[in-house]
Amino acid sequence: MKFIKLDGRHTLYKRGYRYAYVFKDYKNHNRLLTEYQIAEIIRTAEGLNWFDHTSYGKAVGGRRRPYYIGFNKESTHTLVQLQM
């Protein structure tokens, strides 16, 4: 999981989001929170719908497509980090 600031290249930026978590590997089961749990925290914190703030990126070199979960407030990032 990686925390990034979105720019004009990202689909979620065009939808109005400024920050996102990016998940590139789906096989890492040692995380404290899964993608679904993080999306739940963000949805409840910012009052979003499920499909409004998620997106898949482009696959590079035959790898899996990265999964993006977008949000607007940087304080939401702090909330997710405190949940871990």
PDB file of N, CA and C in Angstrom:
ATOM      1  N   MET A   1       0.847  -1.174   0.000  1.00  0.00           N
ATOM      2  CA  MET A   1       0.000   0.000   0.000  1.00  0.00           C
ATOM      3  C   MET A   1       0.889   1.233   0.000  1.00  0.00           C
ATOM      4  N   LYS A   2       0.518   2.176  -0.830  1.00  0.00           N
ATOM      5  CA  LYS A   2       1.290   3.399  -0.953  1.00  0.00           C
ATOM      6  C   LYS A   2       0.331   4.587  -0.946  1.00  0.00           C
ATOM      7  N   PHE A   3       0.693   5.640  -0.241  1.00  0.00           N
ATOM      8  CA  PHE A   3      -0.096   6.862  -0.182  1.00  0.00           C
ATOM      9  C   PHE A   3       0.485   7.843  -1.192  1.00  0.00           C
ATOM     10  N   ILE A   4      -0.368   8.357  -2.122  1.00  0.00           N
ATOM     11  CA  ILE A   4       0.113   9.298  -3.133  1.00  0.00           C
ATOM     12  C   ILE A   4      -0.812  10.504  -3.226  1.00  0.00           C
ATOM     13  N   LYS A   5      -0.263  11.586  -3.756  1.00  0.00           N
ATOM     14  CA  LYS A   5      -1.070  12.753  -4.103  1.00  0.00           C
ATOM     15  C   LYS A   5      -1.350  12.646  -5.604  1.00  0.00           C
ATOM     16  N   LEU A   6      -2.627  12.702  -5.970  1.00  0.00           N
ATOM     17  CA  LEU A   6      -3.017  12.515  -7.361  1.00  0.00           C
ATOM     18  C   LEU A   6      -2.731  13.747  -8.195  1.00  0.00           C
ATOM     19  N   ASP A   7      -2.536  13.525  -9.489  1.00  0.00           N
ATOM     20  CA  ASP A   7      -2.378  14.626 -10.436  1.00  0.00           C
ATOM     21  C   ASP A   7      -3.205  14.329 -11.685  1.00  0.00           C
ATOM     22  N   GLY A   8      -3.051  15.121 -12.713  1.00  0.00           N
ATOM     23  CA  GLY A   8      -3.890  15.033 -13.901  1.00  0.00           C
ATOM     24  C   GLY A   8      -3.817  13.730 -14.660  1.00  0.00           C
ATOM     25  N   ARG A   9      -2.832  12.886 -14.393  1.00  0.00           N
ATOM     26  CA  ARG A   9      -2.720  11.597 -15.074  1.00  0.00           C
ATOM     27  C   ARG A   9      -3.696  10.556 -14.550  1.00  0.00           C
ATOM     28  N   HIS A  10      -4.225  10.749 -13.371  1.00  0.00           N
ATOM     29  CA  HIS A  10      -5.043   9.735 -12.711  1.00  0.00           C
ATOM     30  C   HIS A  10      -6.532   9.961 -12.948  1.00  0.00           C
ATOM     31  N   THR A  11      -7.255   8.871 -13.081  1.00  0.00           N
ATOM     32  CA  THR A  11      -8.705   8.926 -13.275  1.00  0.00           C
ATOM     33  C   THR A  11      -9.403   9.526 -12.068  1.00  0.00           C
ATOM     34  N   LEU A  12      -8.957   9.173 -10.879  1.00  0.00           N
ATOM     35  CA  LEU A  12      -9.599   9.686  -9.671  1.00  0.00           C
ATOM     36  C   LEU A  12      -9.405  11.191  -9.511  1.00  0.00           C
ATOM     37  N   TYR A  13      -8.311  11.730 -10.011  1.00  0.00           N
ATOM     38  CA  TYR A  13      -8.100  13.174  -9.962  1.00  0.00           C
ATOM     39  C   TYR A  13      -9.153  13.878 -10.811  1.00  0.00           C
ATOM     40  N   LYS A  14      -9.468  13.300 -11.943  1.00  0.00           N
ATOM     41  CA  LYS A  14     -10.483  13.876 -12.822  1.00  0.00           C
ATOM     42  C   LYS A  14     -11.877  13.780 -12.214  1.00  0.00           C
ATOM     43  N   ARG A  15     -12.053  12.850 -11.281  1.00  0.00           N
ATOM     44  CA  ARG A  15     -13.327  12.734 -10.562  1.00  0.00           C
ATOM     45  C   ARG A  15     -13.393  13.667  -9.357  1.00  0.00           C
ATOM     46  N   GLY A  16     -12.294  14.340  -9.035  1.00  0.00           N
ATOM     47  CA  GLY A  16     -12.311  15.326  -7.962  1.00  0.00           C
ATOM     48  C   GLY A  16     -11.576  14.939  -6.701  1.00  0.00           C
ATOM     49  N   TYR A  17     -10.849  13.831  -6.700  1.00  0.00           N
ATOM     50  CA  TYR A  17     -10.109  13.392  -5.521  1.00  0.00           C
ATOM     51  C   TYR A  17      -8.673  13.891  -5.579  1.00  0.00           C
ATOM     52  N   ARG A  18      -8.067  14.109  -4.418  1.00  0.00           N
ATOM     53  CA  ARG A  18      -6.717  14.662  -4.364  1.00  0.00           C
ATOM     54  C   ARG A  18      -5.678  13.675  -3.829  1.00  0.00           C
ATOM     55  N   TYR A  19      -6.085  12.679  -3.069  1.00  0.00           N
ATOM     56  CA  TYR A  19      -5.163  11.711  -2.493  1.00  0.00           C
ATOM     57  C   TYR A  19      -5.686  10.309  -2.759  1.00  0.00           C
ATOM     58  N   ALA A  20      -4.779   9.324  -2.689  1.00  0.00           N
ATOM     59  CA  ALA A  20      -5.204   7.942  -2.921  1.00  0.00           C
ATOM     60  C   ALA A  20      -4.230   6.968  -2.267  1.00  0.00           C
ATOM     61  N   TYR A  21      -4.742   5.795  -1.986  1.00  0.00           N
ATOM     62  CA  TYR A  21      -3.917   4.654  -1.633  1.00  0.00           C
ATOM     63  C   TYR A  21      -3.825   3.790  -2.873  1.00  0.00           C
ATOM     64  N   VAL A  22      -2.627   3.278  -3.142  1.00  0.00           N
ATOM     65  CA  VAL A  22      -2.399   2.425  -4.300  1.00  0.00           C
ATOM     66  C   VAL A  22      -1.960   1.061  -3.796  1.00  0.00           C
ATOM     67  N   PHE A  23      -2.653   0.030  -4.252  1.00  0.00           N
ATOM     68  CA  PHE A  23      -2.310  -1.351  -3.917  1.00  0.00           C
ATOM     69  C   PHE A  23      -1.813  -2.017  -5.185  1.00  0.00           C
ATOM     70  N   LYS A  24      -0.538  -2.431  -5.171  1.00  0.00           N
ATOM     71  CA  LYS A  24       0.041  -3.062  -6.362  1.00  0.00           C
ATOM     72  C   LYS A  24       0.139  -4.568  -6.215  1.00  0.00           C
ATOM     73  N   ASP A  25       0.249  -5.052  -5.013  1.00  0.00           N
ATOM     74  CA  ASP A  25       0.338  -6.495  -4.806  1.00  0.00           C
ATOM     75  C   ASP A  25      -0.873  -6.959  -4.014  1.00  0.00           C
ATOM     76  N   TYR A  26      -1.488  -8.013  -4.502  1.00  0.00           N
ATOM     77  CA  TYR A  26      -2.687  -8.541  -3.854  1.00  0.00           C
ATOM     78  C   TYR A  26      -2.382  -9.777  -3.023  1.00  0.00           C
ATOM     79  N   LYS A  27      -1.156 -10.236  -3.051  1.00  0.00           N
ATOM     80  CA  LYS A  27      -0.802 -11.475  -2.372  1.00  0.00           C
ATOM     81  C   LYS A  27      -0.238 -11.258  -0.974  1.00  0.00           C
ATOM     82  N   ASN A  28      -0.036 -10.029  -0.585  1.00  0.00           N
ATOM     83  CA  ASN A  28       0.536  -9.732   0.722  1.00  0.00           C
ATOM     84  C   ASN A  28      -0.566  -9.802   1.777  1.00  0.00           C
ATOM     85  N   HIS A  29      -0.616 -10.912   2.494  1.00  0.00           N
ATOM     86  CA  HIS A  29      -1.660 -11.105   3.501  1.00  0.00           C
ATOM     87  C   HIS A  29      -1.183 -10.732   4.903  1.00  0.00           C
ATOM     88  N   ASN A  30      -0.007 -10.134   5.009  1.00  0.00           N
ATOM     89  CA  ASN A  30       0.530  -9.756   6.311  1.00  0.00           C
ATOM     90  C   ASN A  30       0.094  -8.364   6.738  1.00  0.00           C
ATOM     91  N   ARG A  31      -0.728  -7.706   5.941  1.00  0.00           N
ATOM     92  CA  ARG A  31      -1.204  -6.362   6.284  1.00  0.00           C
ATOM     93  C   ARG A  31      -2.182  -6.422   7.441  1.00  0.00           C
ATOM     94  N   LEU A  32      -2.239  -5.340   8.188  1.00  0.00           N
ATOM     95  CA  LEU A  32      -3.191  -5.274   9.288  1.00  0.00           C
ATOM     96  C   LEU A  32      -4.596  -5.001   8.779  1.00  0.00           C
ATOM     97  N   LEU A  33      -4.706  -4.185   7.724  1.00  0.00           N
ATOM     98  CA  LEU A  33      -5.995  -3.868   7.117  1.00  0.00           C
ATOM     99  C   LEU A  33      -5.981  -4.259   5.643  1.00  0.00           C
ATOM    100  N   THR A  34      -7.076  -4.824   5.165  1.00  0.00           N
ATOM    101  CA  THR A  34      -7.176  -5.170   3.753  1.00  0.00           C
ATOM    102  C   THR A  34      -7.695  -3.973   2.962  1.00  0.00           C
ATOM    103  N   GLU A  35      -7.699  -4.105   1.635  1.00  0.00           N
ATOM    104  CA  GLU A  35      -8.209  -3.039   0.780  1.00  0.00           C
ATOM    105  C   GLU A  35      -9.663  -2.726   1.101  1.00  0.00           C
ATOM    106  N   TYR A  36     -10.437  -3.767   1.356  1.00  0.00           N
ATOM    107  CA  TYR A  36     -11.854  -3.578   1.653  1.00  0.00           C
ATOM    108  C   TYR A  36     -12.045  -2.808   2.960  1.00  0.00           C
ATOM    109  N   GLN A  37     -11.275  -3.127   3.974  1.00  0.00           N
ATOM    110  CA  GLN A  37     -11.394  -2.440   5.263  1.00  0.00           C
ATOM    111  C   GLN A  37     -10.972  -0.979   5.157  1.00  0.00           C
ATOM    112  N   ILE A  38      -9.938  -0.706   4.389  1.00  0.00           N
ATOM    113  CA  ILE A  38      -9.509   0.678   4.198  1.00  0.00           C
ATOM    114  C   ILE A  38     -10.564   1.462   3.433  1.00  0.00           C
ATOM    115  N   ALA A  39     -11.156   0.844   2.418  1.00  0.00           N
ATOM    116  CA  ALA A  39     -12.227   1.506   1.668  1.00  0.00           C
ATOM    117  C   ALA A  39     -13.423   1.792   2.571  1.00  0.00           C
ATOM    118  N   GLU A  40     -13.729   0.897   3.485  1.00  0.00           N
ATOM    119  CA  GLU A  40     -14.825   1.112   4.442  1.00  0.00           C
ATOM    120  C   GLU A  40     -14.542   2.308   5.345  1.00  0.00           C
ATOM    121  N   ILE A  41     -13.322   2.412   5.848  1.00  0.00           N
ATOM    122  CA  ILE A  41     -12.950   3.536   6.715  1.00  0.00           C
ATOM    123  C   ILE A  41     -13.082   4.852   5.963  1.00  0.00           C
ATOM    124  N   ILE A  42     -12.605   4.884   4.723  1.00  0.00           N
ATOM    125  CA  ILE A  42     -12.676   6.102   3.916  1.00  0.00           C
ATOM    126  C   ILE A  42     -14.119   6.463   3.597  1.00  0.00           C
ATOM    127  N   ARG A  43     -14.922   5.463   3.275  1.00  0.00           N
ATOM    128  CA  ARG A  43     -16.342   5.726   2.961  1.00  0.00           C
ATOM    129  C   ARG A  43     -17.072   6.317   4.146  1.00  0.00           C
ATOM    130  N   THR A  44     -16.848   5.784   5.317  1.00  0.00           N
ATOM    131  CA  THR A  44     -17.552   6.310   6.492  1.00  0.00           C
ATOM    132  C   THR A  44     -17.013   7.679   6.898  1.00  0.00           C
ATOM    133  N   ALA A  45     -15.711   7.910   6.721  1.00  0.00           N
ATOM    134  CA  ALA A  45     -15.114   9.190   7.118  1.00  0.00           C
ATOM    135  C   ALA A  45     -15.543  10.323   6.193  1.00  0.00           C
ATOM    136  N   GLU A  46     -15.665  10.035   4.891  1.00  0.00           N
ATOM    137  CA  GLU A  46     -15.974  11.095   3.934  1.00  0.00           C
ATOM    138  C   GLU A  46     -17.365  10.982   3.316  1.00  0.00           C
ATOM    139  N   GLY A  47     -18.117   9.959   3.670  1.00  0.00           N
ATOM    140  CA  GLY A  47     -19.473   9.824   3.167  1.00  0.00           C
ATOM    141  C   GLY A  47     -19.550   9.559   1.676  1.00  0.00           C
ATOM    142  N   LEU A  48     -18.749   8.609   1.186  1.00  0.00           N
ATOM    143  CA  LEU A  48     -18.675   8.326  -0.241  1.00  0.00           C
ATOM    144  C   LEU A  48     -19.401   7.028  -0.588  1.00  0.00           C
ATOM    145  N   ASN A  49     -19.739   6.864  -1.857  1.00  0.00           N
ATOM    146  CA  ASN A  49     -20.274   5.609  -2.370  1.00  0.00           C
ATOM    147  C   ASN A  49     -19.123   4.690  -2.745  1.00  0.00           C
ATOM    148  N   TRP A  50     -19.414   3.408  -2.931  1.00  0.00           N
ATOM    149  CA  TRP A  50     -18.369   2.428  -3.184  1.00  0.00           C
ATOM    150  C   TRP A  50     -17.633   2.686  -4.493  1.00  0.00           C
ATOM    151  N   PHE A  51     -18.343   2.802  -5.584  1.00  0.00           N
ATOM    152  CA  PHE A  51     -17.684   2.884  -6.882  1.00  0.00           C
ATOM    153  C   PHE A  51     -17.225   4.290  -7.235  1.00  0.00           C
ATOM    154  N   ASP A  52     -17.594   5.272  -6.461  1.00  0.00           N
ATOM    155  CA  ASP A  52     -17.189   6.640  -6.766  1.00  0.00           C
ATOM    156  C   ASP A  52     -15.710   6.892  -6.480  1.00  0.00           C
ATOM    157  N   HIS A  53     -15.150   6.235  -5.505  1.00  0.00           N
ATOM    158  CA  HIS A  53     -13.797   6.576  -5.080  1.00  0.00           C
ATOM    159  C   HIS A  53     -12.780   5.456  -5.295  1.00  0.00           C
ATOM    160  N   THR A  54     -13.108   4.467  -6.124  1.00  0.00           N
ATOM    161  CA  THR A  54     -12.164   3.408  -6.436  1.00  0.00           C
ATOM    162  C   THR A  54     -11.923   3.351  -7.934  1.00  0.00           C
ATOM    163  N   SER A  55     -10.743   2.882  -8.299  1.00  0.00           N
ATOM    164  CA  SER A  55     -10.389   2.810  -9.707  1.00  0.00           C
ATOM    165  C   SER A  55      -9.244   1.831  -9.882  1.00  0.00           C
ATOM    166  N   TYR A  56      -9.147   1.248 -11.075  1.00  0.00           N
ATOM    167  CA  TYR A  56      -8.014   0.413 -11.439  1.00  0.00           C
ATOM    168  C   TYR A  56      -7.124   1.179 -12.391  1.00  0.00           C
ATOM    169  N   GLY A  57      -5.816   1.039 -12.230  1.00  0.00           N
ATOM    170  CA  GLY A  57      -4.869   1.680 -13.122  1.00  0.00           C
ATOM    171  C   GLY A  57      -4.527   0.777 -14.295  1.00  0.00           C
ATOM    172  N   LYS A  58      -3.548   1.199 -15.065  1.00  0.00           N
ATOM    173  CA  LYS A  58      -3.100   0.432 -16.225  1.00  0.00           C
ATOM    174  C   LYS A  58      -2.054  -0.594 -15.805  1.00  0.00           C
ATOM    175  N   ALA A  59      -2.127  -1.776 -16.419  1.00  0.00           N
ATOM    176  CA  ALA A  59      -1.130  -2.807 -16.173  1.00  0.00           C
ATOM    177  C   ALA A  59       0.142  -2.460 -16.939  1.00  0.00           C
ATOM    178  N   VAL A  60       1.278  -2.642 -16.310  1.00  0.00           N
ATOM    179  CA  VAL A  60       2.562  -2.344 -16.934  1.00  0.00           C
ATOM    180  C   VAL A  60       3.386  -3.625 -16.984  1.00  0.00           C
ATOM    181  N   GLY A  61       3.786  -4.026 -18.162  1.00  0.00           N
ATOM    182  CA  GLY A  61       4.652  -5.191 -18.304  1.00  0.00           C
ATOM    183  C   GLY A  61       4.013  -6.502 -17.907  1.00  0.00           C
ATOM    184  N   GLY A  62       2.727  -6.662 -18.130  1.00  0.00           N
ATOM    185  CA  GLY A  62       2.046  -7.906 -17.807  1.00  0.00           C
ATOM    186  C   GLY A  62       1.738  -8.093 -16.338  1.00  0.00           C
ATOM    187  N   ARG A  63       1.987  -7.105 -15.535  1.00  0.00           N
ATOM    188  CA  ARG A  63       1.683  -7.195 -14.106  1.00  0.00           C
ATOM    189  C   ARG A  63       0.200  -6.942 -13.861  1.00  0.00           C
ATOM    190  N   ARG A  64      -0.200  -7.183 -12.640  1.00  0.00           N
ATOM    191  CA  ARG A  64      -1.581  -6.887 -12.268  1.00  0.00           C
ATOM    192  C   ARG A  64      -1.825  -5.394 -12.249  1.00  0.00           C
ATOM    193  N   ARG A  65      -3.054  -5.019 -12.491  1.00  0.00           N
ATOM    194  CA  ARG A  65      -3.413  -3.605 -12.494  1.00  0.00           C
ATOM    195  C   ARG A  65      -3.458  -3.077 -11.073  1.00  0.00           C
ATOM    196  N   PRO A  66      -2.849  -1.926 -10.811  1.00  0.00           N
ATOM    197  CA  PRO A  66      -2.909  -1.353  -9.456  1.00  0.00           C
ATOM    198  C   PRO A  66      -4.327  -0.899  -9.125  1.00  0.00           C
ATOM    199  N   TYR A  67      -4.663  -0.986  -7.860  1.00  0.00           N
ATOM    200  CA  TYR A  67      -5.991  -0.633  -7.366  1.00  0.00           C
ATOM    201  C   TYR A  67      -5.878   0.648  -6.560  1.00  0.00           C
ATOM    202  N   TYR A  68      -6.668   1.660  -6.924  1.00  0.00           N
ATOM    203  CA  TYR A  68      -6.632   2.967  -6.283  1.00  0.00           C
ATOM    204  C   TYR A  68      -7.887   3.180  -5.441  1.00  0.00           C
ATOM    205  N   ILE A  69      -7.709   3.714  -4.238  1.00  0.00           N
ATOM    206  CA  ILE A  69      -8.810   4.147  -3.389  1.00  0.00           C
ATOM    207  C   ILE A  69      -8.577   5.628  -3.108  1.00  0.00           C
ATOM    208  N   GLY A  70      -9.431   6.492  -3.637  1.00  0.00           N
ATOM    209  CA  GLY A  70      -9.232   7.925  -3.540  1.00  0.00           C
ATOM    210  C   GLY A  70     -10.041   8.581  -2.436  1.00  0.00           C
ATOM    211  N   PHE A  71      -9.525   9.728  -1.964  1.00  0.00           N
ATOM    212  CA  PHE A  71     -10.220  10.523  -0.949  1.00  0.00           C
ATOM    213  C   PHE A  71      -9.737  11.952  -1.038  1.00  0.00           C
ATOM    214  N   ASN A  72     -10.420  12.869  -0.362  1.00  0.00           N
ATOM    215  CA  ASN A  72     -10.139  14.300  -0.498  1.00  0.00           C
ATOM    216  C   ASN A  72      -9.342  14.900   0.653  1.00  0.00           C
ATOM    217  N   LYS A  73      -9.577  14.447   1.853  1.00  0.00           N
ATOM    218  CA  LYS A  73      -8.968  15.076   3.025  1.00  0.00           C
ATOM    219  C   LYS A  73      -7.710  14.322   3.451  1.00  0.00           C
ATOM    220  N   GLU A  74      -6.662  15.057   3.715  1.00  0.00           N
ATOM    221  CA  GLU A  74      -5.435  14.421   4.188  1.00  0.00           C
ATOM    222  C   GLU A  74      -5.618  13.867   5.597  1.00  0.00           C
ATOM    223  N   SER A  75      -6.575  14.397   6.329  1.00  0.00           N
ATOM    224  CA  SER A  75      -6.851  13.879   7.673  1.00  0.00           C
ATOM    225  C   SER A  75      -7.421  12.451   7.618  1.00  0.00           C
ATOM    226  N   THR A  76      -8.004  12.065   6.492  1.00  0.00           N
ATOM    227  CA  THR A  76      -8.485  10.701   6.334  1.00  0.00           C
ATOM    228  C   THR A  76      -7.304   9.732   6.307  1.00  0.00           C
ATOM    229  N   HIS A  77      -6.208  10.155   5.723  1.00  0.00           N
ATOM    230  CA  HIS A  77      -4.991   9.335   5.731  1.00  0.00           C
ATOM    231  C   HIS A  77      -4.532   9.084   7.165  1.00  0.00           C
ATOM    232  N   THR A  78      -4.584  10.117   7.987  1.00  0.00           N
ATOM    233  CA  THR A  78      -4.203   9.981   9.392  1.00  0.00           C
ATOM    234  C   THR A  78      -5.138   9.020  10.111  1.00  0.00           C
ATOM    235  N   LEU A  79      -6.419   9.092   9.805  1.00  0.00           N
ATOM    236  CA  LEU A  79      -7.392   8.195  10.416  1.00  0.00           C
ATOM    237  C   LEU A  79      -7.092   6.732  10.069  1.00  0.00           C
ATOM    238  N   VAL A  80      -6.785   6.464   8.813  1.00  0.00           N
ATOM    239  CA  VAL A  80      -6.465   5.098   8.396  1.00  0.00           C
ATOM    240  C   VAL A  80      -5.184   4.620   9.086  1.00  0.00           C
ATOM    241  N   GLN A  81      -4.198   5.493   9.184  1.00  0.00           N
ATOM    242  CA  GLN A  81      -2.950   5.109   9.847  1.00  0.00           C
ATOM    243  C   GLN A  81      -3.173   4.807  11.323  1.00  0.00           C
ATOM    244  N   LEU A  82      -4.066   5.526  11.970  1.00  0.00           N
ATOM    245  CA  LEU A  82      -4.371   5.258  13.383  1.00  0.00           C
ATOM    246  C   LEU A  82      -5.115   3.946  13.551  1.00  0.00           C
ATOM    247  N   GLN A  83      -5.886   3.530  12.548  1.00  0.00           N
ATOM    248  CA  GLN A  83      -6.607   2.258  12.617  1.00  0.00           C
ATOM    249  C   GLN A  83      -5.645   1.070  12.516  1.00  0.00           C
ATOM    250  N   MET A  84      -4.496   1.307  11.901  1.00  0.00           N
ATOM    251  CA  MET A  84      -3.518   0.217  11.754  1.00  0.00           C
ATOM    252  C   MET A  84      -2.848   0.023  13.074  1.00  0.00           C
TER     253      MET A  84
END
